[in-house]
Amino acid sequence: VTAEVGAAQELREAKEQLEARVAERTRALAEANQTLHQSERRFRALIEHGSDSISLIDAANTIQYLSPAVLNVEGYRPEELIGRNGLENTHPDDLPVIHRAVEQLLARPGKPIPVVWRRRHKDGRWIWLEGVATNLLDDPCVQAIVTNYRDITDRLAHETRLGEQVQRLALLSRITHAIGERQDLRSIFLVV
């Protein structure tokens, strides 16, 4: 009888220990799920509200994913482009640029490669894009070339206008210098 009582006591203690371990693991799992949920929400906020677009393009050059920012950058909703060829809206003159970038990406997996190219916006105009692409085709969790990119059309237009203004200022500087050295109008324009 004493042996049976001892065995029953051991069984109760083992059961209590097992229940305590299950309860602790359940708490740890709930905390991990909460942390994962918060991380997913943070990631989603970054992706959905960022100004840069993110694309995932597979080895067959098919668009697998586009962040919601593609609407602001290219005028398309992601679902309008997902499943289509990644080169489809690329300016014909920039195809060699893209092909060189892909060669570099394939030769150096994991290394970010900067690229500037043009794509047709949904409204029909050409826009300049600047991005960084990384070959993560061999990463089993990604299996794509990841590109973060933005529209730089306005920036390039401002840079062009600024360059034109600098040229005009240089001309004015030469004219001013020529006026200081010469007195007659004909010799001033010969210098300029």
N, C-alpha and C. Protein backbone atom coordinates (compact mmCIF):
# COMPACT_ATOMS: atom_id res chain seq x y z
N VAL A 1 0.84 -1.19 0.00
CA VAL A 1 0.00 0.00 0.00
C VAL A 1 0.88 1.25 0.00
N THR A 2 1.93 1.23 0.78
CA THR A 2 2.82 2.38 0.87
C THR A 2 3.48 2.66 -0.48
N ALA A 3 3.84 1.63 -1.20
CA ALA A 3 4.45 1.79 -2.51
C ALA A 3 3.46 2.41 -3.48
N GLU A 4 2.19 2.00 -3.36
CA GLU A 4 1.17 2.57 -4.24
C GLU A 4 0.94 4.04 -3.94
N VAL A 5 0.95 4.40 -2.66
CA VAL A 5 0.77 5.80 -2.25
C VAL A 5 1.97 6.63 -2.75
N GLY A 6 3.16 6.09 -2.62
CA GLY A 6 4.36 6.80 -3.10
C GLY A 6 4.33 6.99 -4.60
N ALA A 7 3.91 5.98 -5.33
CA ALA A 7 3.83 6.07 -6.79
C ALA A 7 2.77 7.08 -7.19
N ALA A 8 1.64 7.10 -6.51
CA ALA A 8 0.58 8.07 -6.79
C ALA A 8 1.07 9.49 -6.53
N GLN A 9 1.83 9.67 -5.45
CA GLN A 9 2.39 10.99 -5.11
C GLN A 9 3.37 11.45 -6.18
N GLU A 10 4.23 10.56 -6.64
CA GLU A 10 5.19 10.88 -7.70
C GLU A 10 4.46 11.25 -8.99
N LEU A 11 3.40 10.51 -9.27
CA LEU A 11 2.61 10.78 -10.46
C LEU A 11 1.96 12.16 -10.40
N ARG A 12 1.41 12.53 -9.21
CA ARG A 12 0.81 13.86 -9.04
C ARG A 12 1.85 14.95 -9.22
N GLU A 13 3.03 14.77 -8.65
CA GLU A 13 4.11 15.77 -8.73
C GLU A 13 4.58 15.92 -10.19
N ALA A 14 4.70 14.80 -10.89
CA ALA A 14 5.11 14.86 -12.30
C ALA A 14 4.06 15.59 -13.13
N LYS A 15 2.77 15.30 -12.81
CA LYS A 15 1.68 15.96 -13.52
C LYS A 15 1.71 17.46 -13.27
N GLU A 16 1.93 17.88 -12.02
CA GLU A 16 1.98 19.31 -11.66
C GLU A 16 3.17 19.98 -12.36
N GLN A 17 4.32 19.30 -12.39
CA GLN A 17 5.49 19.86 -13.07
C GLN A 17 5.22 20.02 -14.56
N LEU A 18 4.59 19.00 -15.14
CA LEU A 18 4.27 19.04 -16.56
C LEU A 18 3.29 20.17 -16.86
N GLU A 19 2.26 20.31 -16.02
CA GLU A 19 1.29 21.40 -16.20
C GLU A 19 1.96 22.76 -16.06
N ALA A 20 2.89 22.90 -15.11
CA ALA A 20 3.60 24.17 -14.93
C ALA A 20 4.46 24.48 -16.15
N ARG A 21 5.13 23.45 -16.71
CA ARG A 21 5.95 23.67 -17.91
C ARG A 21 5.08 24.02 -19.11
N VAL A 22 3.95 23.37 -19.25
CA VAL A 22 3.02 23.67 -20.35
C VAL A 22 2.51 25.10 -20.21
N ALA A 23 2.15 25.50 -18.98
CA ALA A 23 1.65 26.86 -18.75
C ALA A 23 2.74 27.88 -19.08
N GLU A 24 3.98 27.62 -18.69
CA GLU A 24 5.09 28.55 -18.97
C GLU A 24 5.34 28.65 -20.47
N ARG A 25 5.33 27.53 -21.15
CA ARG A 25 5.54 27.55 -22.60
C ARG A 25 4.39 28.23 -23.32
N THR A 26 3.18 28.06 -22.80
CA THR A 26 2.02 28.73 -23.38
C THR A 26 2.15 30.23 -23.23
N ARG A 27 2.60 30.71 -22.05
CA ARG A 27 2.85 32.14 -21.84
C ARG A 27 3.95 32.64 -22.77
N ALA A 28 5.03 31.88 -22.90
CA ALA A 28 6.14 32.29 -23.78
C ALA A 28 5.68 32.34 -25.23
N LEU A 29 4.86 31.39 -25.64
CA LEU A 29 4.35 31.38 -27.00
C LEU A 29 3.44 32.58 -27.24
N ALA A 30 2.60 32.90 -26.27
CA ALA A 30 1.71 34.07 -26.40
C ALA A 30 2.53 35.35 -26.51
N GLU A 31 3.59 35.48 -25.71
CA GLU A 31 4.47 36.65 -25.79
C GLU A 31 5.17 36.72 -27.15
N ALA A 32 5.64 35.58 -27.63
CA ALA A 32 6.30 35.54 -28.95
C ALA A 32 5.32 35.92 -30.05
N ASN A 33 4.09 35.43 -29.96
CA ASN A 33 3.07 35.80 -30.95
C ASN A 33 2.78 37.28 -30.91
N GLN A 34 2.71 37.85 -29.71
CA GLN A 34 2.47 39.30 -29.57
C GLN A 34 3.63 40.09 -30.17
N THR A 35 4.85 39.67 -29.90
CA THR A 35 6.03 40.34 -30.45
C THR A 35 6.03 40.24 -31.98
N LEU A 36 5.70 39.07 -32.49
CA LEU A 36 5.62 38.88 -33.95
C LEU A 36 4.55 39.77 -34.55
N HIS A 37 3.40 39.84 -33.92
CA HIS A 37 2.30 40.68 -34.41
C HIS A 37 2.73 42.15 -34.44
N GLN A 38 3.40 42.61 -33.37
CA GLN A 38 3.88 44.00 -33.34
C GLN A 38 4.91 44.25 -34.42
N SER A 39 5.81 43.29 -34.63
CA SER A 39 6.83 43.42 -35.66
C SER A 39 6.19 43.47 -37.04
N GLU A 40 5.20 42.63 -37.28
CA GLU A 40 4.50 42.64 -38.57
C GLU A 40 3.79 43.97 -38.80
N ARG A 41 3.16 44.51 -37.76
CA ARG A 41 2.46 45.80 -37.90
C ARG A 41 3.46 46.92 -38.19
N ARG A 42 4.62 46.90 -37.52
CA ARG A 42 5.65 47.90 -37.75
C ARG A 42 6.17 47.80 -39.18
N PHE A 43 6.45 46.59 -39.63
CA PHE A 43 6.92 46.36 -40.99
C PHE A 43 5.88 46.84 -41.99
N ARG A 44 4.63 46.46 -41.77
CA ARG A 44 3.55 46.86 -42.67
C ARG A 44 3.43 48.38 -42.74
N ALA A 45 3.56 49.06 -41.59
CA ALA A 45 3.48 50.52 -41.58
C ALA A 45 4.62 51.13 -42.40
N LEU A 46 5.80 50.57 -42.28
CA LEU A 46 6.94 51.07 -43.06
C LEU A 46 6.72 50.87 -44.55
N ILE A 47 6.25 49.70 -44.93
CA ILE A 47 6.06 49.38 -46.33
C ILE A 47 4.89 50.14 -46.93
N GLU A 48 3.77 50.15 -46.23
CA GLU A 48 2.56 50.74 -46.79
C GLU A 48 2.58 52.26 -46.82
N HIS A 49 3.35 52.88 -45.95
CA HIS A 49 3.33 54.34 -45.87
C HIS A 49 4.66 54.97 -46.30
N GLY A 50 5.56 54.18 -46.85
CA GLY A 50 6.84 54.71 -47.30
C GLY A 50 6.69 55.38 -48.66
N SER A 51 7.62 56.26 -48.97
CA SER A 51 7.57 56.94 -50.27
C SER A 51 8.30 56.15 -51.36
N ASP A 52 9.18 55.27 -50.97
CA ASP A 52 9.89 54.43 -51.92
C ASP A 52 9.08 53.18 -52.21
N SER A 53 9.14 52.74 -53.45
CA SER A 53 8.47 51.50 -53.83
C SER A 53 9.47 50.36 -53.67
N ILE A 54 8.95 49.18 -53.40
CA ILE A 54 9.76 47.98 -53.27
C ILE A 54 9.19 46.94 -54.22
N SER A 55 10.08 46.32 -54.99
CA SER A 55 9.63 45.26 -55.90
C SER A 55 10.42 43.99 -55.62
N LEU A 56 9.76 42.86 -55.84
CA LEU A 56 10.40 41.56 -55.81
C LEU A 56 10.17 40.94 -57.18
N ILE A 57 11.27 40.64 -57.87
CA ILE A 57 11.19 40.08 -59.22
C ILE A 57 11.94 38.76 -59.23
N ASP A 58 11.29 37.71 -59.73
CA ASP A 58 11.89 36.38 -59.69
C ASP A 58 12.90 36.18 -60.83
N ALA A 59 13.47 34.98 -60.89
CA ALA A 59 14.52 34.68 -61.87
C ALA A 59 14.01 34.74 -63.31
N ALA A 60 12.70 34.58 -63.51
CA ALA A 60 12.12 34.66 -64.86
C ALA A 60 11.70 36.10 -65.19
N ASN A 61 12.09 37.05 -64.35
CA ASN A 61 11.80 38.48 -64.53
C ASN A 61 10.30 38.79 -64.39
N THR A 62 9.62 38.00 -63.57
CA THR A 62 8.21 38.22 -63.31
C THR A 62 8.06 38.96 -61.99
N ILE A 63 7.24 39.99 -61.98
CA ILE A 63 7.01 40.76 -60.75
C ILE A 63 6.20 39.91 -59.79
N GLN A 64 6.78 39.65 -58.63
CA GLN A 64 6.12 38.83 -57.60
C GLN A 64 5.44 39.68 -56.54
N TYR A 65 6.00 40.85 -56.28
CA TYR A 65 5.46 41.73 -55.23
C TYR A 65 5.80 43.16 -55.55
N LEU A 66 4.89 44.06 -55.25
CA LEU A 66 5.13 45.50 -55.30
C LEU A 66 4.51 46.12 -54.06
N SER A 67 5.22 47.01 -53.41
CA SER A 67 4.67 47.68 -52.24
C SER A 67 3.58 48.66 -52.68
N PRO A 68 2.70 49.03 -51.77
CA PRO A 68 1.64 49.98 -52.11
C PRO A 68 2.16 51.33 -52.63
N ALA A 69 3.40 51.69 -52.31
CA ALA A 69 3.97 52.97 -52.77
C ALA A 69 4.10 53.03 -54.28
N VAL A 70 4.00 51.89 -54.97
CA VAL A 70 4.08 51.90 -56.43
C VAL A 70 2.97 52.78 -57.02
N LEU A 71 1.87 52.91 -56.32
CA LEU A 71 0.78 53.78 -56.79
C LEU A 71 1.26 55.23 -56.87
N ASN A 72 2.00 55.69 -55.86
CA ASN A 72 2.52 57.06 -55.85
C ASN A 72 3.67 57.25 -56.83
N VAL A 73 4.45 56.21 -57.03
CA VAL A 73 5.62 56.31 -57.90
C VAL A 73 5.26 56.16 -59.37
N GLU A 74 4.52 55.09 -59.71
CA GLU A 74 4.26 54.77 -61.11
C GLU A 74 2.79 54.91 -61.51
N GLY A 75 1.91 55.15 -60.54
CA GLY A 75 0.50 55.33 -60.86
C GLY A 75 -0.31 54.04 -60.92
N TYR A 76 0.32 52.91 -60.71
CA TYR A 76 -0.36 51.62 -60.77
C TYR A 76 -0.62 51.09 -59.36
N ARG A 77 -1.71 50.35 -59.21
CA ARG A 77 -1.93 49.58 -58.00
C ARG A 77 -1.07 48.32 -58.13
N PRO A 78 -0.54 47.79 -57.04
CA PRO A 78 0.33 46.60 -57.15
C PRO A 78 -0.27 45.47 -57.97
N GLU A 79 -1.56 45.20 -57.77
CA GLU A 79 -2.18 44.07 -58.46
C GLU A 79 -2.25 44.26 -59.98
N GLU A 80 -2.07 45.49 -60.46
CA GLU A 80 -2.07 45.73 -61.91
C GLU A 80 -0.77 45.27 -62.56
N LEU A 81 0.30 45.17 -61.78
CA LEU A 81 1.61 44.81 -62.35
C LEU A 81 2.12 43.44 -61.89
N ILE A 82 1.64 42.96 -60.76
CA ILE A 82 2.11 41.66 -60.27
C ILE A 82 1.77 40.58 -61.29
N GLY A 83 2.78 39.75 -61.59
CA GLY A 83 2.63 38.68 -62.57
C GLY A 83 3.09 39.08 -63.96
N ARG A 84 3.38 40.37 -64.15
CA ARG A 84 3.83 40.83 -65.47
C ARG A 84 5.35 40.88 -65.52
N ASN A 85 5.88 41.02 -66.72
CA ASN A 85 7.32 41.10 -66.94
C ASN A 85 7.86 42.40 -66.36
N GLY A 86 8.96 42.32 -65.62
CA GLY A 86 9.54 43.49 -64.98
C GLY A 86 10.08 44.53 -65.93
N LEU A 87 10.36 44.15 -67.18
CA LEU A 87 10.90 45.09 -68.16
C LEU A 87 9.81 45.76 -69.00
N GLU A 88 8.59 45.34 -68.82
CA GLU A 88 7.50 45.75 -69.69
C GLU A 88 7.37 47.26 -69.88
N ASN A 89 7.48 48.03 -68.86
CA ASN A 89 7.31 49.49 -68.96
C ASN A 89 8.63 50.25 -68.97
N THR A 90 9.73 49.55 -69.17
CA THR A 90 11.05 50.19 -69.18
C THR A 90 11.28 50.89 -70.51
N HIS A 91 11.87 52.08 -70.45
CA HIS A 91 12.19 52.83 -71.66
C HIS A 91 13.16 52.01 -72.51
N PRO A 92 12.91 51.90 -73.82
CA PRO A 92 13.78 51.08 -74.69
C PRO A 92 15.25 51.48 -74.62
N ASP A 93 15.53 52.78 -74.47
CA ASP A 93 16.92 53.22 -74.42
C ASP A 93 17.61 52.79 -73.12
N ASP A 94 16.84 52.43 -72.11
CA ASP A 94 17.41 52.06 -70.81
C ASP A 94 17.50 50.55 -70.61
N LEU A 95 17.05 49.78 -71.58
CA LEU A 95 17.15 48.32 -71.47
C LEU A 95 18.60 47.86 -71.29
N PRO A 96 19.58 48.44 -72.03
CA PRO A 96 20.97 48.03 -71.79
C PRO A 96 21.43 48.33 -70.35
N VAL A 97 20.97 49.41 -69.77
CA VAL A 97 21.31 49.75 -68.39
C VAL A 97 20.78 48.67 -67.45
N ILE A 98 19.55 48.27 -67.67
CA ILE A 98 18.93 47.25 -66.83
C ILE A 98 19.64 45.90 -67.03
N HIS A 99 19.97 45.56 -68.27
CA HIS A 99 20.66 44.29 -68.54
C HIS A 99 22.03 44.26 -67.86
N ARG A 100 22.76 45.39 -67.89
CA ARG A 100 24.07 45.46 -67.19
C ARG A 100 23.87 45.30 -65.68
N ALA A 101 22.85 45.94 -65.14
CA ALA A 101 22.58 45.82 -63.70
C ALA A 101 22.26 44.37 -63.33
N VAL A 102 21.47 43.69 -64.16
CA VAL A 102 21.12 42.30 -63.89
C VAL A 102 22.37 41.42 -63.95
N GLU A 103 23.24 41.67 -64.92
CA GLU A 103 24.50 40.92 -64.99
C GLU A 103 25.30 41.08 -63.71
N GLN A 104 25.39 42.32 -63.22
CA GLN A 104 26.11 42.58 -61.97
C GLN A 104 25.43 41.89 -60.79
N LEU A 105 24.10 41.94 -60.76
CA LEU A 105 23.36 41.30 -59.68
C LEU A 105 23.59 39.80 -59.66
N LEU A 106 23.58 39.17 -60.84
CA LEU A 106 23.77 37.73 -60.90
C LEU A 106 25.21 37.34 -60.55
N ALA A 107 26.16 38.22 -60.88
CA ALA A 107 27.56 37.94 -60.59
C ALA A 107 27.88 38.16 -59.11
N ARG A 108 27.11 39.01 -58.43
CA ARG A 108 27.40 39.35 -57.03
C ARG A 108 26.14 39.25 -56.16
N PRO A 109 25.65 38.04 -55.92
CA PRO A 109 24.45 37.90 -55.08
C PRO A 109 24.66 38.56 -53.71
N GLY A 110 23.63 39.22 -53.25
CA GLY A 110 23.68 39.86 -51.94
C GLY A 110 24.27 41.25 -51.92
N LYS A 111 24.94 41.66 -53.02
CA LYS A 111 25.57 42.98 -53.07
C LYS A 111 24.60 43.98 -53.70
N PRO A 112 24.30 45.08 -53.00
CA PRO A 112 23.41 46.11 -53.57
C PRO A 112 24.04 46.79 -54.79
N ILE A 113 23.24 46.94 -55.84
CA ILE A 113 23.69 47.56 -57.08
C ILE A 113 22.79 48.78 -57.35
N PRO A 114 23.38 49.99 -57.44
CA PRO A 114 22.56 51.17 -57.75
C PRO A 114 22.21 51.20 -59.24
N VAL A 115 21.04 51.74 -59.54
CA VAL A 115 20.61 51.83 -60.94
C VAL A 115 19.67 53.02 -61.11
N VAL A 116 19.79 53.68 -62.28
CA VAL A 116 18.91 54.79 -62.65
C VAL A 116 18.35 54.45 -64.03
N TRP A 117 17.02 54.51 -64.18
CA TRP A 117 16.39 54.16 -65.45
C TRP A 117 15.04 54.86 -65.57
N ARG A 118 14.44 54.73 -66.75
CA ARG A 118 13.13 55.32 -66.99
C ARG A 118 12.07 54.23 -67.16
N ARG A 119 10.88 54.54 -66.66
CA ARG A 119 9.72 53.66 -66.85
C ARG A 119 8.53 54.52 -67.24
N ARG A 120 7.61 53.89 -67.93
CA ARG A 120 6.39 54.60 -68.32
C ARG A 120 5.43 54.61 -67.15
N HIS A 121 5.03 55.81 -66.76
CA HIS A 121 4.01 55.99 -65.72
C HIS A 121 2.66 55.57 -66.30
N LYS A 122 1.73 55.25 -65.46
CA LYS A 122 0.41 54.83 -65.94
C LYS A 122 -0.24 55.91 -66.80
N ASP A 123 0.08 57.19 -66.53
CA ASP A 123 -0.52 58.27 -67.33
C ASP A 123 0.18 58.46 -68.68
N GLY A 124 1.20 57.63 -68.99
CA GLY A 124 1.83 57.66 -70.30
C GLY A 124 3.16 58.39 -70.36
N ARG A 125 3.48 59.20 -69.38
CA ARG A 125 4.74 59.95 -69.41
C ARG A 125 5.88 59.06 -68.90
N TRP A 126 7.10 59.43 -69.31
CA TRP A 126 8.28 58.71 -68.83
C TRP A 126 8.75 59.34 -67.54
N ILE A 127 9.06 58.52 -66.56
CA ILE A 127 9.60 59.02 -65.30
C ILE A 127 10.96 58.40 -65.08
N TRP A 128 11.82 59.16 -64.41
CA TRP A 128 13.15 58.68 -64.04
C TRP A 128 13.05 58.04 -62.66
N LEU A 129 13.66 56.86 -62.54
CA LEU A 129 13.68 56.15 -61.28
C LEU A 129 15.12 55.93 -60.84
N GLU A 130 15.32 55.99 -59.54
CA GLU A 130 16.62 55.71 -58.95
C GLU A 130 16.39 54.63 -57.91
N GLY A 131 17.20 53.59 -57.96
CA GLY A 131 16.99 52.51 -57.01
C GLY A 131 18.25 51.75 -56.68
N VAL A 132 18.07 50.84 -55.74
CA VAL A 132 19.13 49.92 -55.35
C VAL A 132 18.54 48.53 -55.41
N ALA A 133 19.18 47.66 -56.19
CA ALA A 133 18.70 46.29 -56.34
C ALA A 133 19.68 45.33 -55.68
N THR A 134 19.13 44.27 -55.08
CA THR A 134 19.94 43.25 -54.42
C THR A 134 19.44 41.88 -54.84
N ASN A 135 20.36 41.04 -55.27
CA ASN A 135 20.02 39.68 -55.69
C ASN A 135 19.89 38.79 -54.46
N LEU A 136 18.65 38.43 -54.14
CA LEU A 136 18.37 37.50 -53.05
C LEU A 136 17.66 36.26 -53.59
N LEU A 137 17.97 35.92 -54.85
CA LEU A 137 17.36 34.75 -55.47
C LEU A 137 17.70 33.47 -54.73
N ASP A 138 18.91 33.39 -54.15
CA ASP A 138 19.34 32.18 -53.46
C ASP A 138 18.87 32.12 -52.01
N ASP A 139 18.27 33.20 -51.52
CA ASP A 139 17.74 33.21 -50.15
C ASP A 139 16.39 32.52 -50.18
N PRO A 140 16.25 31.37 -49.52
CA PRO A 140 15.00 30.61 -49.61
C PRO A 140 13.78 31.37 -49.09
N CYS A 141 13.98 32.36 -48.25
CA CYS A 141 12.85 33.14 -47.74
C CYS A 141 12.42 34.23 -48.71
N VAL A 142 13.27 34.61 -49.66
CA VAL A 142 12.96 35.72 -50.56
C VAL A 142 12.82 35.23 -52.00
N GLN A 143 13.86 34.58 -52.52
CA GLN A 143 13.90 34.05 -53.88
C GLN A 143 13.51 35.09 -54.93
N ALA A 144 14.13 36.27 -54.82
CA ALA A 144 13.82 37.35 -55.76
C ALA A 144 14.96 38.36 -55.77
N ILE A 145 14.92 39.21 -56.80
CA ILE A 145 15.76 40.41 -56.80
C ILE A 145 14.91 41.50 -56.17
N VAL A 146 15.42 42.08 -55.11
CA VAL A 146 14.69 43.10 -54.35
C VAL A 146 15.20 44.46 -54.79
N THR A 147 14.28 45.33 -55.20
CA THR A 147 14.66 46.68 -55.62
C THR A 147 13.85 47.70 -54.83
N ASN A 148 14.56 48.62 -54.19
CA ASN A 148 13.94 49.78 -53.54
C ASN A 148 14.19 50.96 -54.46
N TYR A 149 13.12 51.65 -54.86
CA TYR A 149 13.30 52.73 -55.83
C TYR A 149 12.32 53.87 -55.61
N ARG A 150 12.70 55.03 -56.19
CA ARG A 150 11.89 56.25 -56.06
C ARG A 150 11.91 57.01 -57.37
N ASP A 151 10.94 57.88 -57.53
CA ASP A 151 10.84 58.76 -58.69
C ASP A 151 11.76 59.96 -58.47
N ILE A 152 12.69 60.18 -59.42
CA ILE A 152 13.61 61.32 -59.31
C ILE A 152 13.42 62.29 -60.47
N THR A 153 12.29 62.19 -61.15
CA THR A 153 12.04 63.04 -62.32
C THR A 153 12.15 64.52 -61.97
N ASP A 154 11.48 64.95 -60.91
CA ASP A 154 11.52 66.35 -60.50
C ASP A 154 12.93 66.79 -60.11
N ARG A 155 13.64 65.92 -59.39
CA ARG A 155 15.00 66.26 -58.98
C ARG A 155 15.90 66.47 -60.19
N LEU A 156 15.79 65.59 -61.19
CA LEU A 156 16.61 65.74 -62.40
C LEU A 156 16.25 67.02 -63.15
N ALA A 157 14.96 67.36 -63.20
CA ALA A 157 14.54 68.59 -63.87
C ALA A 157 15.12 69.81 -63.15
N HIS A 158 15.12 69.79 -61.82
CA HIS A 158 15.71 70.89 -61.04
C HIS A 158 17.21 70.98 -61.28
N GLU A 159 17.87 69.83 -61.34
CA GLU A 159 19.31 69.83 -61.59
C GLU A 159 19.62 70.40 -62.98
N THR A 160 18.79 70.07 -63.96
CA THR A 160 18.98 70.60 -65.32
C THR A 160 18.82 72.12 -65.32
N ARG A 161 17.76 72.61 -64.66
CA ARG A 161 17.55 74.07 -64.58
C ARG A 161 18.69 74.75 -63.85
N LEU A 162 19.17 74.12 -62.81
CA LEU A 162 20.29 74.69 -62.06
C LEU A 162 21.54 74.75 -62.94
N GLY A 163 21.80 73.71 -63.73
CA GLY A 163 22.95 73.72 -64.64
C GLY A 163 22.82 74.82 -65.68
N GLU A 164 21.61 75.04 -66.19
CA GLU A 164 21.39 76.12 -67.16
C GLU A 164 21.64 77.48 -66.52
N GLN A 165 21.21 77.64 -65.28
CA GLN A 165 21.44 78.90 -64.58
C GLN A 165 22.93 79.13 -64.35
N VAL A 166 23.66 78.08 -64.03
CA VAL A 166 25.11 78.21 -63.83
C VAL A 166 25.77 78.63 -65.14
N GLN A 167 25.33 78.07 -66.26
CA GLN A 167 25.89 78.47 -67.56
C GLN A 167 25.61 79.94 -67.85
N ARG A 168 24.39 80.40 -67.56
CA ARG A 168 24.06 81.81 -67.78
C ARG A 168 24.89 82.72 -66.89
N LEU A 169 25.09 82.30 -65.64
CA LEU A 169 25.92 83.10 -64.74
C LEU A 169 27.37 83.16 -65.22
N ALA A 170 27.86 82.05 -65.76
CA ALA A 170 29.23 82.05 -66.29
C ALA A 170 29.33 83.01 -67.48
N LEU A 171 28.31 83.02 -68.34
CA LEU A 171 28.29 83.95 -69.47
C LEU A 171 28.26 85.39 -68.97
N LEU A 172 27.42 85.65 -68.00
CA LEU A 172 27.36 87.01 -67.43
C LEU A 172 28.69 87.42 -66.82
N SER A 173 29.35 86.47 -66.20
CA SER A 173 30.65 86.76 -65.61
C SER A 173 31.67 87.13 -66.68
N ARG A 174 31.66 86.37 -67.81
CA ARG A 174 32.59 86.68 -68.90
C ARG A 174 32.26 88.05 -69.50
N ILE A 175 30.97 88.35 -69.65
CA ILE A 175 30.57 89.65 -70.21
C ILE A 175 31.01 90.77 -69.28
N THR A 176 30.78 90.60 -67.99
CA THR A 176 31.17 91.62 -67.01
C THR A 176 32.68 91.83 -67.03
N HIS A 177 33.41 90.75 -67.11
CA HIS A 177 34.88 90.84 -67.15
C HIS A 177 35.31 91.57 -68.43
N ALA A 178 34.67 91.24 -69.58
CA ALA A 178 35.02 91.88 -70.85
C ALA A 178 34.70 93.37 -70.82
N ILE A 179 33.59 93.74 -70.20
CA ILE A 179 33.23 95.16 -70.10
C ILE A 179 34.28 95.91 -69.29
N GLY A 180 34.76 95.26 -68.25
CA GLY A 180 35.77 95.91 -67.41
C GLY A 180 37.08 96.13 -68.14
N GLU A 181 37.39 95.28 -69.11
CA GLU A 181 38.66 95.38 -69.83
C GLU A 181 38.57 96.25 -71.08
N ARG A 182 37.39 96.34 -71.69
CA ARG A 182 37.26 97.05 -72.97
C ARG A 182 36.16 98.08 -72.88
N GLN A 183 36.28 99.03 -73.74
CA GLN A 183 35.30 100.10 -73.74
C GLN A 183 34.35 100.05 -74.93
N ASP A 184 34.78 99.48 -76.06
CA ASP A 184 33.88 99.49 -77.22
C ASP A 184 33.08 98.18 -77.28
N LEU A 185 31.83 98.27 -77.71
CA LEU A 185 30.88 97.17 -77.71
C LEU A 185 31.33 96.01 -78.61
N ARG A 186 31.91 96.34 -79.77
CA ARG A 186 32.33 95.28 -80.70
C ARG A 186 33.39 94.40 -80.07
N SER A 187 34.38 94.94 -79.41
CA SER A 187 35.45 94.14 -78.81
C SER A 187 34.95 93.34 -77.60
N ILE A 188 33.91 93.85 -76.94
CA ILE A 188 33.33 93.09 -75.82
C ILE A 188 32.72 91.79 -76.33
N PHE A 189 31.95 91.84 -77.42
CA PHE A 189 31.29 90.65 -77.93
C PHE A 189 32.27 89.70 -78.62
N LEU A 190 33.40 90.19 -79.06
CA LEU A 190 34.42 89.30 -79.60
C LEU A 190 35.00 88.41 -78.51
N VAL A 191 35.14 88.95 -77.31
CA VAL A 191 35.68 88.19 -76.16
C VAL A 191 34.68 87.14 -75.70
N VAL A 192 33.40 87.51 -75.68
CA VAL A 192 32.36 86.61 -75.18
C VAL A 192 32.09 85.56 -76.21
